Amino acid sequence: MEQFDRKVTKIGNSYGITLPAELLKQVGLAQGDDVQAEVKDGKIVLRKKEHVTLPEGVDAEFMNILNDVIKEHDKAFKGLVNR
């Protein structure tokens, strides 16, 4: 696995990290793509955001609430997998 060392840079009221074009190409990211960031086991994980098209009649707000509930009870849901 190739390693890239970068510095955190102040951008307005936020902070950013530049990523080499070679790295973005390896993971299928390009300028303007949306990414999701999460903290997992003390590490920052970035991934390309998947765009989901909801079927007709499915409300986006309902899906957002459902997603929040799933995140909130993630441990319980995972515990039910093997039952």
N, C-alpha and C. Protein backbone atom coordinates (compact mmCIF):
# COMPACT_ATOMS: atom_id res chain seq x y z
N MET A 1 0.85 -1.18 0.00
CA MET A 1 0.00 0.00 0.00
C MET A 1 0.89 1.23 0.00
N GLU A 2 0.65 2.11 -0.96
CA GLU A 2 1.42 3.34 -1.06
C GLU A 2 0.93 4.33 -0.02
N GLN A 3 1.86 5.07 0.58
CA GLN A 3 1.51 6.02 1.64
C GLN A 3 1.78 7.44 1.16
N PHE A 4 0.86 8.35 1.49
CA PHE A 4 1.00 9.75 1.14
C PHE A 4 0.98 10.56 2.44
N ASP A 5 1.99 11.38 2.67
CA ASP A 5 2.02 12.26 3.84
C ASP A 5 1.48 13.62 3.43
N ARG A 6 0.54 14.14 4.21
CA ARG A 6 -0.08 15.42 3.91
C ARG A 6 -0.15 16.25 5.19
N LYS A 7 -0.37 17.56 5.04
CA LYS A 7 -0.55 18.46 6.17
C LYS A 7 -1.98 18.98 6.18
N VAL A 8 -2.50 19.21 7.37
CA VAL A 8 -3.82 19.81 7.53
C VAL A 8 -3.64 21.31 7.33
N THR A 9 -4.49 21.90 6.48
CA THR A 9 -4.39 23.30 6.11
C THR A 9 -5.66 24.04 6.50
N LYS A 10 -5.54 25.26 6.98
CA LYS A 10 -6.71 26.07 7.33
C LYS A 10 -7.30 26.65 6.05
N ILE A 11 -8.61 26.45 5.89
CA ILE A 11 -9.34 26.98 4.74
C ILE A 11 -10.56 27.71 5.28
N GLY A 12 -10.49 29.03 5.41
CA GLY A 12 -11.58 29.79 6.00
C GLY A 12 -11.75 29.40 7.45
N ASN A 13 -12.97 29.00 7.85
CA ASN A 13 -13.25 28.56 9.21
C ASN A 13 -13.10 27.06 9.37
N SER A 14 -12.67 26.38 8.32
CA SER A 14 -12.54 24.92 8.34
C SER A 14 -11.08 24.53 8.10
N TYR A 15 -10.87 23.24 7.97
CA TYR A 15 -9.55 22.71 7.68
C TYR A 15 -9.66 21.73 6.54
N GLY A 16 -8.58 21.55 5.80
CA GLY A 16 -8.61 20.65 4.66
C GLY A 16 -7.30 19.92 4.48
N ILE A 17 -7.36 18.88 3.68
CA ILE A 17 -6.18 18.10 3.33
C ILE A 17 -6.23 17.91 1.82
N THR A 18 -5.16 18.25 1.14
CA THR A 18 -5.12 18.01 -0.30
C THR A 18 -4.75 16.55 -0.55
N LEU A 19 -5.28 16.02 -1.64
CA LEU A 19 -5.02 14.63 -1.99
C LEU A 19 -4.42 14.59 -3.40
N PRO A 20 -3.39 13.80 -3.60
CA PRO A 20 -2.76 13.73 -4.92
C PRO A 20 -3.72 13.15 -5.96
N ALA A 21 -3.64 13.64 -7.19
CA ALA A 21 -4.50 13.17 -8.28
C ALA A 21 -4.36 11.66 -8.46
N GLU A 22 -3.16 11.13 -8.29
CA GLU A 22 -2.91 9.69 -8.44
C GLU A 22 -3.76 8.89 -7.44
N LEU A 23 -3.84 9.37 -6.21
CA LEU A 23 -4.62 8.69 -5.18
C LEU A 23 -6.11 8.72 -5.52
N LEU A 24 -6.60 9.88 -5.95
CA LEU A 24 -8.01 10.01 -6.31
C LEU A 24 -8.36 9.09 -7.48
N LYS A 25 -7.47 9.00 -8.43
CA LYS A 25 -7.70 8.14 -9.59
C LYS A 25 -7.80 6.67 -9.17
N GLN A 26 -6.98 6.26 -8.21
CA GLN A 26 -6.99 4.87 -7.73
C GLN A 26 -8.32 4.48 -7.12
N VAL A 27 -9.01 5.44 -6.50
CA VAL A 27 -10.27 5.13 -5.82
C VAL A 27 -11.49 5.63 -6.58
N GLY A 28 -11.29 6.16 -7.77
CA GLY A 28 -12.40 6.59 -8.61
C GLY A 28 -13.05 7.89 -8.20
N LEU A 29 -12.28 8.79 -7.60
CA LEU A 29 -12.79 10.11 -7.22
C LEU A 29 -12.26 11.17 -8.18
N ALA A 30 -13.08 12.21 -8.39
CA ALA A 30 -12.67 13.32 -9.23
C ALA A 30 -13.14 14.62 -8.58
N GLN A 31 -12.61 15.72 -9.07
CA GLN A 31 -13.00 17.03 -8.54
C GLN A 31 -14.51 17.17 -8.62
N GLY A 32 -15.12 17.63 -7.54
CA GLY A 32 -16.56 17.85 -7.50
C GLY A 32 -17.35 16.67 -6.95
N ASP A 33 -16.74 15.50 -6.82
CA ASP A 33 -17.44 14.35 -6.25
C ASP A 33 -17.74 14.59 -4.78
N ASP A 34 -18.85 14.07 -4.32
CA ASP A 34 -19.20 14.15 -2.90
C ASP A 34 -18.55 12.97 -2.18
N VAL A 35 -18.05 13.23 -0.97
CA VAL A 35 -17.46 12.17 -0.15
C VAL A 35 -18.13 12.15 1.21
N GLN A 36 -18.09 11.00 1.87
CA GLN A 36 -18.57 10.87 3.23
C GLN A 36 -17.36 10.62 4.11
N ALA A 37 -17.36 11.22 5.29
CA ALA A 37 -16.28 11.02 6.25
C ALA A 37 -16.87 10.47 7.53
N GLU A 38 -16.20 9.48 8.11
CA GLU A 38 -16.63 8.95 9.40
C GLU A 38 -15.40 8.60 10.22
N VAL A 39 -15.58 8.58 11.53
CA VAL A 39 -14.51 8.17 12.42
C VAL A 39 -14.79 6.72 12.80
N LYS A 40 -13.82 5.87 12.57
CA LYS A 40 -13.96 4.44 12.86
C LYS A 40 -12.68 3.97 13.54
N ASP A 41 -12.83 3.49 14.76
CA ASP A 41 -11.68 3.02 15.54
C ASP A 41 -10.57 4.07 15.63
N GLY A 42 -10.98 5.33 15.81
CA GLY A 42 -10.02 6.42 15.98
C GLY A 42 -9.35 6.87 14.69
N LYS A 43 -9.86 6.43 13.54
CA LYS A 43 -9.29 6.81 12.24
C LYS A 43 -10.37 7.47 11.39
N ILE A 44 -9.95 8.38 10.53
CA ILE A 44 -10.88 9.03 9.60
C ILE A 44 -10.96 8.17 8.35
N VAL A 45 -12.18 7.80 7.99
CA VAL A 45 -12.41 7.00 6.79
C VAL A 45 -13.19 7.85 5.80
N LEU A 46 -12.66 8.01 4.59
CA LEU A 46 -13.33 8.76 3.53
C LEU A 46 -13.79 7.78 2.47
N ARG A 47 -14.99 8.01 1.93
CA ARG A 47 -15.45 7.18 0.82
C ARG A 47 -16.32 8.03 -0.09
N LYS A 48 -16.35 7.63 -1.36
CA LYS A 48 -17.18 8.33 -2.32
C LYS A 48 -18.64 8.15 -1.92
N LYS A 49 -19.38 9.24 -1.90
CA LYS A 49 -20.78 9.18 -1.52
C LYS A 49 -21.58 8.54 -2.64
N GLU A 50 -22.37 7.56 -2.26
CA GLU A 50 -23.23 6.90 -3.23
C GLU A 50 -24.52 7.69 -3.38
N HIS A 51 -24.91 7.94 -4.61
CA HIS A 51 -26.16 8.65 -4.86
C HIS A 51 -27.24 7.60 -5.10
N VAL A 52 -28.25 7.65 -4.27
CA VAL A 52 -29.34 6.68 -4.34
C VAL A 52 -30.58 7.37 -4.89
N THR A 53 -31.18 6.75 -5.87
CA THR A 53 -32.43 7.25 -6.41
C THR A 53 -33.56 6.47 -5.74
N LEU A 54 -34.41 7.18 -5.04
CA LEU A 54 -35.51 6.53 -4.33
C LEU A 54 -36.62 6.16 -5.31
N PRO A 55 -37.25 5.02 -5.07
CA PRO A 55 -38.39 4.64 -5.91
C PRO A 55 -39.52 5.66 -5.76
N GLU A 56 -40.33 5.75 -6.78
CA GLU A 56 -41.46 6.67 -6.75
C GLU A 56 -42.35 6.36 -5.55
N GLY A 57 -42.74 7.40 -4.82
CA GLY A 57 -43.61 7.22 -3.67
C GLY A 57 -42.87 7.09 -2.35
N VAL A 58 -41.54 6.96 -2.38
CA VAL A 58 -40.76 6.86 -1.15
C VAL A 58 -40.25 8.27 -0.81
N ASP A 59 -40.60 8.75 0.36
CA ASP A 59 -40.27 10.10 0.79
C ASP A 59 -38.83 10.18 1.28
N ALA A 60 -38.08 11.17 0.80
CA ALA A 60 -36.68 11.34 1.18
C ALA A 60 -36.55 11.63 2.68
N GLU A 61 -37.47 12.40 3.24
CA GLU A 61 -37.41 12.72 4.68
C GLU A 61 -37.58 11.45 5.52
N PHE A 62 -38.48 10.55 5.09
CA PHE A 62 -38.65 9.28 5.79
C PHE A 62 -37.35 8.48 5.76
N MET A 63 -36.69 8.46 4.61
CA MET A 63 -35.44 7.72 4.49
C MET A 63 -34.35 8.33 5.39
N ASN A 64 -34.33 9.64 5.52
CA ASN A 64 -33.36 10.30 6.40
C ASN A 64 -33.60 9.92 7.86
N ILE A 65 -34.86 9.90 8.27
CA ILE A 65 -35.21 9.51 9.64
C ILE A 65 -34.85 8.05 9.88
N LEU A 66 -35.18 7.18 8.93
CA LEU A 66 -34.85 5.77 9.03
C LEU A 66 -33.35 5.56 9.14
N ASN A 67 -32.60 6.30 8.36
CA ASN A 67 -31.13 6.21 8.40
C ASN A 67 -30.60 6.62 9.78
N ASP A 68 -31.16 7.68 10.36
CA ASP A 68 -30.76 8.12 11.70
C ASP A 68 -31.05 7.04 12.75
N VAL A 69 -32.21 6.40 12.65
CA VAL A 69 -32.58 5.34 13.59
C VAL A 69 -31.62 4.16 13.46
N ILE A 70 -31.30 3.79 12.23
CA ILE A 70 -30.37 2.68 12.00
C ILE A 70 -29.00 3.00 12.60
N LYS A 71 -28.52 4.22 12.39
CA LYS A 71 -27.21 4.60 12.96
C LYS A 71 -27.26 4.57 14.48
N GLU A 72 -28.35 5.07 15.06
CA GLU A 72 -28.49 5.14 16.52
C GLU A 72 -28.50 3.75 17.15
N HIS A 73 -29.10 2.79 16.48
CA HIS A 73 -29.26 1.45 17.03
C HIS A 73 -28.41 0.41 16.30
N ASP A 74 -27.33 0.86 15.70
CA ASP A 74 -26.47 0.00 14.89
C ASP A 74 -26.01 -1.25 15.65
N LYS A 75 -25.59 -1.07 16.88
CA LYS A 75 -25.08 -2.21 17.67
C LYS A 75 -26.19 -3.26 17.88
N ALA A 76 -27.39 -2.80 18.18
CA ALA A 76 -28.50 -3.73 18.39
C ALA A 76 -28.85 -4.47 17.11
N PHE A 77 -28.89 -3.77 15.99
CA PHE A 77 -29.20 -4.42 14.72
C PHE A 77 -28.15 -5.47 14.37
N LYS A 78 -26.88 -5.13 14.58
CA LYS A 78 -25.81 -6.09 14.28
C LYS A 78 -25.90 -7.32 15.18
N GLY A 79 -26.38 -7.13 16.41
CA GLY A 79 -26.54 -8.24 17.33
C GLY A 79 -27.65 -9.19 16.90
N LEU A 80 -28.59 -8.70 16.09
CA LEU A 80 -29.70 -9.53 15.62
C LEU A 80 -29.35 -10.35 14.37
N VAL A 81 -28.25 -10.05 13.74
CA VAL A 81 -27.89 -10.68 12.47
C VAL A 81 -27.85 -12.20 12.56
N ASN A 82 -27.23 -12.75 13.57
CA ASN A 82 -27.06 -14.19 13.66
C ASN A 82 -28.14 -14.90 14.47
N ARG A 83 -29.26 -14.27 14.67
CA ARG A 83 -30.35 -14.89 15.45
C ARG A 83 -31.35 -15.55 14.55
